[in-house]
Amino acid sequence: MKMNRPLSPHLSIYKPQLTSTFPISHRISGAFLATLVLFFYLLCLKMALICFTYANFHQFFFFSSKLLLISVEITAFALSYHLYNGLRHLLTDLGGAGRSTGIGR
């Protein structure tokens, strides 16, 4: 008789930890920023073929999109999170923040 048992019973009771969610979100923000840089690089290459003046380039980027402010805020958040999480990771690797220094034992 075949019973309907879960394949991994520990997954239903697993609680995500900060040590596992920070690296995942750091990679996601890094991939987002790399994709954004590649997109704007390709867009600038394409724009160089279309318009040759700075005024047209500025007008295209800053007046053609209604979602510009939201996209700038999301990008600023991803950049600041990626930067500060990278610094936190470096400090943790060097024995600084996030680890017990032995004081007060």
PDB file of N, CA and C in Angstrom:
ATOM      1  N   MET A   1       0.844  -1.180   0.000  1.00  0.00           N
ATOM      2  CA  MET A   1       0.000   0.000   0.000  1.00  0.00           C
ATOM      3  C   MET A   1       0.886   1.238   0.000  1.00  0.00           C
ATOM      4  N   LYS A   2       0.642   2.121  -0.935  1.00  0.00           N
ATOM      5  CA  LYS A   2       1.436   3.333  -1.072  1.00  0.00           C
ATOM      6  C   LYS A   2       0.788   4.473  -0.285  1.00  0.00           C
ATOM      7  N   MET A   3       1.596   5.115   0.539  1.00  0.00           N
ATOM      8  CA  MET A   3       1.080   6.220   1.359  1.00  0.00           C
ATOM      9  C   MET A   3       1.552   7.548   0.765  1.00  0.00           C
ATOM     10  N   ASN A   4       0.726   8.543   0.930  1.00  0.00           N
ATOM     11  CA  ASN A   4       1.064   9.885   0.460  1.00  0.00           C
ATOM     12  C   ASN A   4       1.839  10.625   1.546  1.00  0.00           C
ATOM     13  N   ARG A   5       3.136  10.433   1.541  1.00  0.00           N
ATOM     14  CA  ARG A   5       3.995  11.091   2.514  1.00  0.00           C
ATOM     15  C   ARG A   5       4.790  12.188   1.816  1.00  0.00           C
ATOM     16  N   PRO A   6       5.115  13.238   2.546  1.00  0.00           N
ATOM     17  CA  PRO A   6       5.939  14.275   1.928  1.00  0.00           C
ATOM     18  C   PRO A   6       7.353  13.746   1.683  1.00  0.00           C
ATOM     19  N   LEU A   7       7.977  14.245   0.626  1.00  0.00           N
ATOM     20  CA  LEU A   7       9.326  13.803   0.300  1.00  0.00           C
ATOM     21  C   LEU A   7      10.347  14.302   1.320  1.00  0.00           C
ATOM     22  N   SER A   8      10.189  15.530   1.760  1.00  0.00           N
ATOM     23  CA  SER A   8      11.105  16.108   2.735  1.00  0.00           C
ATOM     24  C   SER A   8      10.299  16.691   3.883  1.00  0.00           C
ATOM     25  N   PRO A   9      10.072  15.931   4.937  1.00  0.00           N
ATOM     26  CA  PRO A   9       9.233  16.445   6.027  1.00  0.00           C
ATOM     27  C   PRO A   9       9.863  17.615   6.772  1.00  0.00           C
ATOM     28  N   HIS A  10      11.184  17.765   6.684  1.00  0.00           N
ATOM     29  CA  HIS A  10      11.811  18.875   7.400  1.00  0.00           C
ATOM     30  C   HIS A  10      11.543  20.224   6.739  1.00  0.00           C
ATOM     31  N   LEU A  11      11.153  20.237   5.454  1.00  0.00           N
ATOM     32  CA  LEU A  11      10.901  21.502   4.770  1.00  0.00           C
ATOM     33  C   LEU A  11       9.651  22.213   5.283  1.00  0.00           C
ATOM     34  N   SER A  12       8.716  21.462   5.790  1.00  0.00           N
ATOM     35  CA  SER A  12       7.490  22.096   6.283  1.00  0.00           C
ATOM     36  C   SER A  12       7.715  22.788   7.621  1.00  0.00           C
ATOM     37  N   ILE A  13       8.749  22.410   8.353  1.00  0.00           N
ATOM     38  CA  ILE A  13       9.015  23.037   9.645  1.00  0.00           C
ATOM     39  C   ILE A  13      10.270  23.902   9.610  1.00  0.00           C
ATOM     40  N   TYR A  14      10.876  24.055   8.439  1.00  0.00           N
ATOM     41  CA  TYR A  14      12.108  24.827   8.312  1.00  0.00           C
ATOM     42  C   TYR A  14      11.816  26.309   8.440  1.00  0.00           C
ATOM     43  N   LYS A  15      12.592  26.969   9.263  1.00  0.00           N
ATOM     44  CA  LYS A  15      12.464  28.417   9.441  1.00  0.00           C
ATOM     45  C   LYS A  15      13.690  29.076   8.815  1.00  0.00           C
ATOM     46  N   PRO A  16      13.509  29.947   7.804  1.00  0.00           N
ATOM     47  CA  PRO A  16      14.675  30.597   7.180  1.00  0.00           C
ATOM     48  C   PRO A  16      15.453  31.425   8.197  1.00  0.00           C
ATOM     49  N   GLN A  17      16.774  31.358   8.102  1.00  0.00           N
ATOM     50  CA  GLN A  17      17.639  32.091   9.008  1.00  0.00           C
ATOM     51  C   GLN A  17      18.262  33.268   8.269  1.00  0.00           C
ATOM     52  N   LEU A  18      18.710  34.252   9.034  1.00  0.00           N
ATOM     53  CA  LEU A  18      19.328  35.427   8.421  1.00  0.00           C
ATOM     54  C   LEU A  18      20.614  35.054   7.692  1.00  0.00           C
ATOM     55  N   THR A  19      21.332  34.070   8.217  1.00  0.00           N
ATOM     56  CA  THR A  19      22.585  33.689   7.569  1.00  0.00           C
ATOM     57  C   THR A  19      22.360  33.035   6.210  1.00  0.00           C
ATOM     58  N   SER A  20      21.152  32.561   5.953  1.00  0.00           N
ATOM     59  CA  SER A  20      20.869  31.988   4.634  1.00  0.00           C
ATOM     60  C   SER A  20      20.126  32.970   3.724  1.00  0.00           C
ATOM     61  N   THR A  21      19.398  33.913   4.290  1.00  0.00           N
ATOM     62  CA  THR A  21      18.647  34.847   3.450  1.00  0.00           C
ATOM     63  C   THR A  21      19.492  36.033   2.976  1.00  0.00           C
ATOM     64  N   PHE A  22      20.470  36.472   3.773  1.00  0.00           N
ATOM     65  CA  PHE A  22      21.318  37.589   3.348  1.00  0.00           C
ATOM     66  C   PHE A  22      22.125  37.267   2.093  1.00  0.00           C
ATOM     67  N   PRO A  23      22.808  36.124   2.003  1.00  0.00           N
ATOM     68  CA  PRO A  23      23.548  35.847   0.764  1.00  0.00           C
ATOM     69  C   PRO A  23      22.651  35.691  -0.465  1.00  0.00           C
ATOM     70  N   ILE A  24      21.483  35.124  -0.280  1.00  0.00           N
ATOM     71  CA  ILE A  24      20.559  34.961  -1.407  1.00  0.00           C
ATOM     72  C   ILE A  24      20.095  36.329  -1.900  1.00  0.00           C
ATOM     73  N   SER A  25      19.694  37.202  -0.981  1.00  0.00           N
ATOM     74  CA  SER A  25      19.240  38.532  -1.391  1.00  0.00           C
ATOM     75  C   SER A  25      20.400  39.381  -1.920  1.00  0.00           C
ATOM     76  N   HIS A  26      21.613  39.124  -1.424  1.00  0.00           N
ATOM     77  CA  HIS A  26      22.790  39.833  -1.946  1.00  0.00           C
ATOM     78  C   HIS A  26      23.039  39.447  -3.404  1.00  0.00           C
ATOM     79  N   ARG A  27      22.905  38.195  -3.722  1.00  0.00           N
ATOM     80  CA  ARG A  27      23.081  37.739  -5.106  1.00  0.00           C
ATOM     81  C   ARG A  27      21.974  38.262  -6.013  1.00  0.00           C
ATOM     82  N   ILE A  28      20.753  38.304  -5.500  1.00  0.00           N
ATOM     83  CA  ILE A  28      19.639  38.818  -6.297  1.00  0.00           C
ATOM     84  C   ILE A  28      19.846  40.295  -6.603  1.00  0.00           C
ATOM     85  N   SER A  29      20.255  41.080  -5.593  1.00  0.00           N
ATOM     86  CA  SER A  29      20.486  42.503  -5.839  1.00  0.00           C
ATOM     87  C   SER A  29      21.675  42.714  -6.775  1.00  0.00           C
ATOM     88  N   GLY A  30      22.716  41.887  -6.671  1.00  0.00           N
ATOM     89  CA  GLY A  30      23.850  41.985  -7.577  1.00  0.00           C
ATOM     90  C   GLY A  30      23.473  41.651  -9.007  1.00  0.00           C
ATOM     91  N   ALA A  31      22.649  40.624  -9.175  1.00  0.00           N
ATOM     92  CA  ALA A  31      22.194  40.268 -10.520  1.00  0.00           C
ATOM     93  C   ALA A  31      21.315  41.370 -11.104  1.00  0.00           C
ATOM     94  N   PHE A  32      20.479  41.976 -10.281  1.00  0.00           N
ATOM     95  CA  PHE A  32      19.634  43.087 -10.740  1.00  0.00           C
ATOM     96  C   PHE A  32      20.491  44.260 -11.189  1.00  0.00           C
ATOM     97  N   LEU A  33      21.499  44.611 -10.400  1.00  0.00           N
ATOM     98  CA  LEU A  33      22.356  45.746 -10.749  1.00  0.00           C
ATOM     99  C   LEU A  33      23.185  45.449 -11.992  1.00  0.00           C
ATOM    100  N   ALA A  34      23.678  44.226 -12.132  1.00  0.00           N
ATOM    101  CA  ALA A  34      24.454  43.873 -13.330  1.00  0.00           C
ATOM    102  C   ALA A  34      23.576  43.917 -14.574  1.00  0.00           C
ATOM    103  N   THR A  35      22.346  43.450 -14.455  1.00  0.00           N
ATOM    104  CA  THR A  35      21.417  43.499 -15.579  1.00  0.00           C
ATOM    105  C   THR A  35      21.097  44.940 -15.944  1.00  0.00           C
ATOM    106  N   LEU A  36      20.929  45.775 -14.946  1.00  0.00           N
ATOM    107  CA  LEU A  36      20.635  47.183 -15.189  1.00  0.00           C
ATOM    108  C   LEU A  36      21.799  47.885 -15.885  1.00  0.00           C
ATOM    109  N   VAL A  37      23.013  47.608 -15.448  1.00  0.00           N
ATOM    110  CA  VAL A  37      24.189  48.209 -16.086  1.00  0.00           C
ATOM    111  C   VAL A  37      24.295  47.750 -17.532  1.00  0.00           C
ATOM    112  N   LEU A  38      24.091  46.469 -17.779  1.00  0.00           N
ATOM    113  CA  LEU A  38      24.145  45.958 -19.146  1.00  0.00           C
ATOM    114  C   LEU A  38      23.053  46.581 -20.012  1.00  0.00           C
ATOM    115  N   PHE A  39      21.850  46.719 -19.465  1.00  0.00           N
ATOM    116  CA  PHE A  39      20.748  47.322 -20.205  1.00  0.00           C
ATOM    117  C   PHE A  39      21.065  48.765 -20.593  1.00  0.00           C
ATOM    118  N   PHE A  40      21.552  49.556 -19.634  1.00  0.00           N
ATOM    119  CA  PHE A  40      21.863  50.951 -19.934  1.00  0.00           C
ATOM    120  C   PHE A  40      23.057  51.082 -20.863  1.00  0.00           C
ATOM    121  N   TYR A  41      24.007  50.153 -20.774  1.00  0.00           N
ATOM    122  CA  TYR A  41      25.137  50.171 -21.702  1.00  0.00           C
ATOM    123  C   TYR A  41      24.647  49.930 -23.128  1.00  0.00           C
ATOM    124  N   LEU A  42      23.802  48.927 -23.305  1.00  0.00           N
ATOM    125  CA  LEU A  42      23.270  48.648 -24.632  1.00  0.00           C
ATOM    126  C   LEU A  42      22.362  49.773 -25.119  1.00  0.00           C
ATOM    127  N   LEU A  43      21.613  50.373 -24.201  1.00  0.00           N
ATOM    128  CA  LEU A  43      20.748  51.489 -24.569  1.00  0.00           C
ATOM    129  C   LEU A  43      21.566  52.705 -24.997  1.00  0.00           C
ATOM    130  N   CYS A  44      22.657  52.958 -24.298  1.00  0.00           N
ATOM    131  CA  CYS A  44      23.517  54.087 -24.691  1.00  0.00           C
ATOM    132  C   CYS A  44      24.162  53.836 -26.041  1.00  0.00           C
ATOM    133  N   LEU A  45      24.523  52.597 -26.331  1.00  0.00           N
ATOM    134  CA  LEU A  45      25.060  52.291 -27.650  1.00  0.00           C
ATOM    135  C   LEU A  45      24.019  52.539 -28.731  1.00  0.00           C
ATOM    136  N   LYS A  46      22.780  52.125 -28.445  1.00  0.00           N
ATOM    137  CA  LYS A  46      21.707  52.338 -29.415  1.00  0.00           C
ATOM    138  C   LYS A  46      21.379  53.823 -29.552  1.00  0.00           C
ATOM    139  N   MET A  47      21.389  54.560 -28.441  1.00  0.00           N
ATOM    140  CA  MET A  47      21.068  55.985 -28.489  1.00  0.00           C
ATOM    141  C   MET A  47      22.138  56.768 -29.247  1.00  0.00           C
ATOM    142  N   ALA A  48      23.377  56.312 -29.212  1.00  0.00           N
ATOM    143  CA  ALA A  48      24.436  57.014 -29.939  1.00  0.00           C
ATOM    144  C   ALA A  48      24.201  56.956 -31.432  1.00  0.00           C
ATOM    145  N   LEU A  49      23.512  55.935 -31.882  1.00  0.00           N
ATOM    146  CA  LEU A  49      23.209  55.836 -33.306  1.00  0.00           C
ATOM    147  C   LEU A  49      22.013  56.694 -33.699  1.00  0.00           C
ATOM    148  N   ILE A  50      21.141  56.997 -32.730  1.00  0.00           N
ATOM    149  CA  ILE A  50      19.908  57.711 -33.045  1.00  0.00           C
ATOM    150  C   ILE A  50      20.072  59.225 -32.895  1.00  0.00           C
ATOM    151  N   CYS A  51      20.521  59.673 -31.736  1.00  0.00           N
ATOM    152  CA  CYS A  51      20.612  61.115 -31.506  1.00  0.00           C
ATOM    153  C   CYS A  51      22.048  61.479 -31.140  1.00  0.00           C
ATOM    154  N   PHE A  52      22.485  62.587 -31.639  1.00  0.00           N
ATOM    155  CA  PHE A  52      23.872  62.971 -31.478  1.00  0.00           C
ATOM    156  C   PHE A  52      24.061  64.158 -30.547  1.00  0.00           C
ATOM    157  N   THR A  53      22.980  64.695 -30.009  1.00  0.00           N
ATOM    158  CA  THR A  53      23.105  65.842 -29.112  1.00  0.00           C
ATOM    159  C   THR A  53      22.750  65.438 -27.693  1.00  0.00           C
ATOM    160  N   TYR A  54      23.347  66.110 -26.747  1.00  0.00           N
ATOM    161  CA  TYR A  54      23.091  65.825 -25.341  1.00  0.00           C
ATOM    162  C   TYR A  54      21.654  66.159 -24.951  1.00  0.00           C
ATOM    163  N   ALA A  55      21.087  67.198 -25.532  1.00  0.00           N
ATOM    164  CA  ALA A  55      19.722  67.605 -25.185  1.00  0.00           C
ATOM    165  C   ALA A  55      18.722  66.508 -25.544  1.00  0.00           C
ATOM    166  N   ASN A  56      18.871  65.904 -26.705  1.00  0.00           N
ATOM    167  CA  ASN A  56      17.970  64.813 -27.077  1.00  0.00           C
ATOM    168  C   ASN A  56      18.153  63.605 -26.175  1.00  0.00           C
ATOM    169  N   PHE A  57      19.392  63.297 -25.841  1.00  0.00           N
ATOM    170  CA  PHE A  57      19.676  62.168 -24.957  1.00  0.00           C
ATOM    171  C   PHE A  57      19.059  62.396 -23.583  1.00  0.00           C
ATOM    172  N   HIS A  58      19.241  63.605 -23.039  1.00  0.00           N
ATOM    173  CA  HIS A  58      18.681  63.955 -21.730  1.00  0.00           C
ATOM    174  C   HIS A  58      17.157  63.909 -21.769  1.00  0.00           C
ATOM    175  N   GLN A  59      16.558  64.409 -22.820  1.00  0.00           N
ATOM    176  CA  GLN A  59      15.108  64.407 -22.938  1.00  0.00           C
ATOM    177  C   GLN A  59      14.567  62.986 -23.026  1.00  0.00           C
ATOM    178  N   PHE A  60      15.245  62.126 -23.738  1.00  0.00           N
ATOM    179  CA  PHE A  60      14.796  60.740 -23.862  1.00  0.00           C
ATOM    180  C   PHE A  60      14.804  60.039 -22.513  1.00  0.00           C
ATOM    181  N   PHE A  61      15.884  60.223 -21.748  1.00  0.00           N
ATOM    182  CA  PHE A  61      15.999  59.507 -20.482  1.00  0.00           C
ATOM    183  C   PHE A  61      15.103  60.064 -19.392  1.00  0.00           C
ATOM    184  N   PHE A  62      14.952  61.383 -19.310  1.00  0.00           N
ATOM    185  CA  PHE A  62      14.305  61.970 -18.155  1.00  0.00           C
ATOM    186  C   PHE A  62      12.887  62.468 -18.378  1.00  0.00           C
ATOM    187  N   PHE A  63      12.407  62.484 -19.599  1.00  0.00           N
ATOM    188  CA  PHE A  63      11.057  62.964 -19.817  1.00  0.00           C
ATOM    189  C   PHE A  63      10.162  61.977 -20.544  1.00  0.00           C
ATOM    190  N   SER A  64      10.683  60.866 -20.990  1.00  0.00           N
ATOM    191  CA  SER A  64       9.851  59.937 -21.743  1.00  0.00           C
ATOM    192  C   SER A  64       9.207  58.867 -20.872  1.00  0.00           C
ATOM    193  N   SER A  65       9.695  58.687 -19.652  1.00  0.00           N
ATOM    194  CA  SER A  65       9.186  57.606 -18.813  1.00  0.00           C
ATOM    195  C   SER A  65       8.475  58.157 -17.586  1.00  0.00           C
ATOM    196  N   LYS A  66       7.303  57.633 -17.309  1.00  0.00           N
ATOM    197  CA  LYS A  66       6.556  58.024 -16.110  1.00  0.00           C
ATOM    198  C   LYS A  66       7.030  57.252 -14.881  1.00  0.00           C
ATOM    199  N   LEU A  67       7.701  56.122 -15.091  1.00  0.00           N
ATOM    200  CA  LEU A  67       8.141  55.284 -13.985  1.00  0.00           C
ATOM    201  C   LEU A  67       9.590  55.541 -13.597  1.00  0.00           C
ATOM    202  N   LEU A  68      10.138  56.658 -14.026  1.00  0.00           N
ATOM    203  CA  LEU A  68      11.545  56.931 -13.781  1.00  0.00           C
ATOM    204  C   LEU A  68      11.847  57.053 -12.288  1.00  0.00           C
ATOM    205  N   LEU A  69      11.018  57.773 -11.542  1.00  0.00           N
ATOM    206  CA  LEU A  69      11.282  57.953 -10.116  1.00  0.00           C
ATOM    207  C   LEU A  69      11.237  56.630  -9.364  1.00  0.00           C
ATOM    208  N   ILE A  70      10.278  55.788  -9.691  1.00  0.00           N
ATOM    209  CA  ILE A  70      10.172  54.492  -9.027  1.00  0.00           C
ATOM    210  C   ILE A  70      11.372  53.620  -9.364  1.00  0.00           C
ATOM    211  N   SER A  71      11.780  53.626 -10.621  1.00  0.00           N
ATOM    212  CA  SER A  71      12.920  52.797 -10.999  1.00  0.00           C
ATOM    213  C   SER A  71      14.217  53.311 -10.372  1.00  0.00           C
ATOM    214  N   VAL A  72      14.362  54.621 -10.226  1.00  0.00           N
ATOM    215  CA  VAL A  72      15.551  55.168  -9.576  1.00  0.00           C
ATOM    216  C   VAL A  72      15.571  54.794  -8.098  1.00  0.00           C
ATOM    217  N   GLU A  73      14.414  54.825  -7.444  1.00  0.00           N
ATOM    218  CA  GLU A  73      14.350  54.450  -6.032  1.00  0.00           C
ATOM    219  C   GLU A  73      14.664  52.976  -5.829  1.00  0.00           C
ATOM    220  N   ILE A  74      14.140  52.126  -6.697  1.00  0.00           N
ATOM    221  CA  ILE A  74      14.424  50.691  -6.589  1.00  0.00           C
ATOM    222  C   ILE A  74      15.907  50.426  -6.826  1.00  0.00           C
ATOM    223  N   THR A  75      16.481  51.108  -7.796  1.00  0.00           N
ATOM    224  CA  THR A  75      17.898  50.937  -8.083  1.00  0.00           C
ATOM    225  C   THR A  75      18.759  51.453  -6.935  1.00  0.00           C
ATOM    226  N   ALA A  76      18.391  52.582  -6.357  1.00  0.00           N
ATOM    227  CA  ALA A  76      19.146  53.119  -5.219  1.00  0.00           C
ATOM    228  C   ALA A  76      19.058  52.180  -4.018  1.00  0.00           C
ATOM    229  N   PHE A  77      17.887  51.601  -3.790  1.00  0.00           N
ATOM    230  CA  PHE A  77      17.734  50.649  -2.697  1.00  0.00           C
ATOM    231  C   PHE A  77      18.588  49.401  -2.938  1.00  0.00           C
ATOM    232  N   ALA A  78      18.563  48.880  -4.161  1.00  0.00           N
ATOM    233  CA  ALA A  78      19.352  47.682  -4.472  1.00  0.00           C
ATOM    234  C   ALA A  78      20.842  47.971  -4.346  1.00  0.00           C
ATOM    235  N   LEU A  79      21.272  49.145  -4.814  1.00  0.00           N
ATOM    236  CA  LEU A  79      22.682  49.500  -4.727  1.00  0.00           C
ATOM    237  C   LEU A  79      23.129  49.672  -3.281  1.00  0.00           C
ATOM    238  N   SER A  80      22.342  50.375  -2.478  1.00  0.00           N
ATOM    239  CA  SER A  80      22.723  50.571  -1.075  1.00  0.00           C
ATOM    240  C   SER A  80      22.683  49.258  -0.304  1.00  0.00           C
ATOM    241  N   TYR A  81      21.675  48.419  -0.558  1.00  0.00           N
ATOM    242  CA  TYR A  81      21.626  47.122   0.123  1.00  0.00           C
ATOM    243  C   TYR A  81      22.828  46.267  -0.259  1.00  0.00           C
ATOM    244  N   HIS A  82      23.158  46.229  -1.545  1.00  0.00           N
ATOM    245  CA  HIS A  82      24.270  45.409  -2.014  1.00  0.00           C
ATOM    246  C   HIS A  82      25.591  45.906  -1.421  1.00  0.00           C
ATOM    247  N   LEU A  83      25.767  47.221  -1.345  1.00  0.00           N
ATOM    248  CA  LEU A  83      26.985  47.798  -0.796  1.00  0.00           C
ATOM    249  C   LEU A  83      27.111  47.496   0.697  1.00  0.00           C
ATOM    250  N   TYR A  84      26.066  47.778   1.462  1.00  0.00           N
ATOM    251  CA  TYR A  84      26.148  47.593   2.906  1.00  0.00           C
ATOM    252  C   TYR A  84      26.196  46.122   3.296  1.00  0.00           C
ATOM    253  N   ASN A  85      25.529  45.275   2.557  1.00  0.00           N
ATOM    254  CA  ASN A  85      25.599  43.855   2.858  1.00  0.00           C
ATOM    255  C   ASN A  85      26.986  43.302   2.517  1.00  0.00           C
ATOM    256  N   GLY A  86      27.605  43.811   1.461  1.00  0.00           N
ATOM    257  CA  GLY A  86      28.964  43.404   1.139  1.00  0.00           C
ATOM    258  C   GLY A  86      29.949  43.843   2.212  1.00  0.00           C
ATOM    259  N   LEU A  87      29.790  45.070   2.713  1.00  0.00           N
ATOM    260  CA  LEU A  87      30.646  45.536   3.804  1.00  0.00           C
ATOM    261  C   LEU A  87      30.426  44.718   5.072  1.00  0.00           C
ATOM    262  N   ARG A  88      29.173  44.391   5.378  1.00  0.00           N
ATOM    263  CA  ARG A  88      28.888  43.555   6.545  1.00  0.00           C
ATOM    264  C   ARG A  88      29.546  42.195   6.404  1.00  0.00           C
ATOM    265  N   HIS A  89      29.496  41.642   5.201  1.00  0.00           N
ATOM    266  CA  HIS A  89      30.101  40.343   4.955  1.00  0.00           C
ATOM    267  C   HIS A  89      31.616  40.398   5.128  1.00  0.00           C
ATOM    268  N   LEU A  90      32.238  41.469   4.623  1.00  0.00           N
ATOM    269  CA  LEU A  90      33.684  41.625   4.795  1.00  0.00           C
ATOM    270  C   LEU A  90      34.060  41.775   6.265  1.00  0.00           C
ATOM    271  N   LEU A  91      33.302  42.555   7.016  1.00  0.00           N
ATOM    272  CA  LEU A  91      33.582  42.711   8.441  1.00  0.00           C
ATOM    273  C   LEU A  91      33.399  41.405   9.193  1.00  0.00           C
ATOM    274  N   THR A  92      32.399  40.635   8.823  1.00  0.00           N
ATOM    275  CA  THR A  92      32.180  39.345   9.469  1.00  0.00           C
ATOM    276  C   THR A  92      33.333  38.393   9.173  1.00  0.00           C
ATOM    277  N   ASP A  93      33.830  38.406   7.935  1.00  0.00           N
ATOM    278  CA  ASP A  93      34.951  37.544   7.586  1.00  0.00           C
ATOM    279  C   ASP A  93      36.233  37.947   8.308  1.00  0.00           C
ATOM    280  N   LEU A  94      36.387  39.236   8.582  1.00  0.00           N
ATOM    281  CA  LEU A  94      37.579  39.705   9.279  1.00  0.00           C
ATOM    282  C   LEU A  94      37.472  39.557  10.791  1.00  0.00           C
ATOM    283  N   GLY A  95      36.329  39.094  11.284  1.00  0.00           N
ATOM    284  CA  GLY A  95      36.157  38.897  12.719  1.00  0.00           C
ATOM    285  C   GLY A  95      35.542  40.073  13.433  1.00  0.00           C
ATOM    286  N   GLY A  96      34.905  40.937  12.710  1.00  0.00           N
ATOM    287  CA  GLY A  96      34.309  42.133  13.315  1.00  0.00           C
ATOM    288  C   GLY A  96      32.856  41.926  13.679  1.00  0.00           C
ATOM    289  N   ALA A  97      31.991  42.653  13.004  1.00  0.00           N
ATOM    290  CA  ALA A  97      30.556  42.654  13.320  1.00  0.00           C
ATOM    291  C   ALA A  97      29.934  41.295  13.092  1.00  0.00           C
ATOM    292  N   GLY A  98      29.030  40.932  13.966  1.00  0.00           N
ATOM    293  CA  GLY A  98      28.285  39.701  13.787  1.00  0.00           C
ATOM    294  C   GLY A  98      28.868  38.508  14.523  1.00  0.00           C
ATOM    295  N   ARG A  99      30.086  38.635  15.028  1.00  0.00           N
ATOM    296  CA  ARG A  99      30.701  37.531  15.756  1.00  0.00           C
ATOM    297  C   ARG A  99      30.971  37.954  17.195  1.00  0.00           C
ATOM    298  N   SER A 100      31.024  36.978  18.029  1.00  0.00           N
ATOM    299  CA  SER A 100      31.346  37.240  19.412  1.00  0.00           C
ATOM    300  C   SER A 100      32.852  37.445  19.534  1.00  0.00           C
ATOM    301  N   THR A 101      33.266  38.509  20.210  1.00  0.00           N
ATOM    302  CA  THR A 101      34.687  38.799  20.341  1.00  0.00           C
ATOM    303  C   THR A 101      35.284  38.210  21.601  1.00  0.00           C
ATOM    304  N   GLY A 102      34.445  37.598  22.416  1.00  0.00           N
ATOM    305  CA  GLY A 102      34.946  37.002  23.632  1.00  0.00           C
ATOM    306  C   GLY A 102      34.905  37.925  24.824  1.00  0.00           C
ATOM    307  N   ILE A 103      34.496  39.160  24.637  1.00  0.00           N
ATOM    308  CA  ILE A 103      34.424  40.115  25.739  1.00  0.00           C
ATOM    309  C   ILE A 103      33.153  39.833  26.541  1.00  0.00           C
ATOM    310  N   GLY A 104      33.295  39.762  27.833  1.00  0.00           N
ATOM    311  CA  GLY A 104      32.141  39.551  28.690  1.00  0.00           C
ATOM    312  C   GLY A 104      31.841  38.090  28.971  1.00  0.00           C
ATOM    313  N   ARG A 105      32.771  37.223  28.651  1.00  0.00           N
ATOM    314  CA  ARG A 105      32.553  35.801  28.957  1.00  0.00           C
ATOM    315  C   ARG A 105      33.011  35.460  30.326  1.00  0.00           C
TER     316      ARG A 105
END
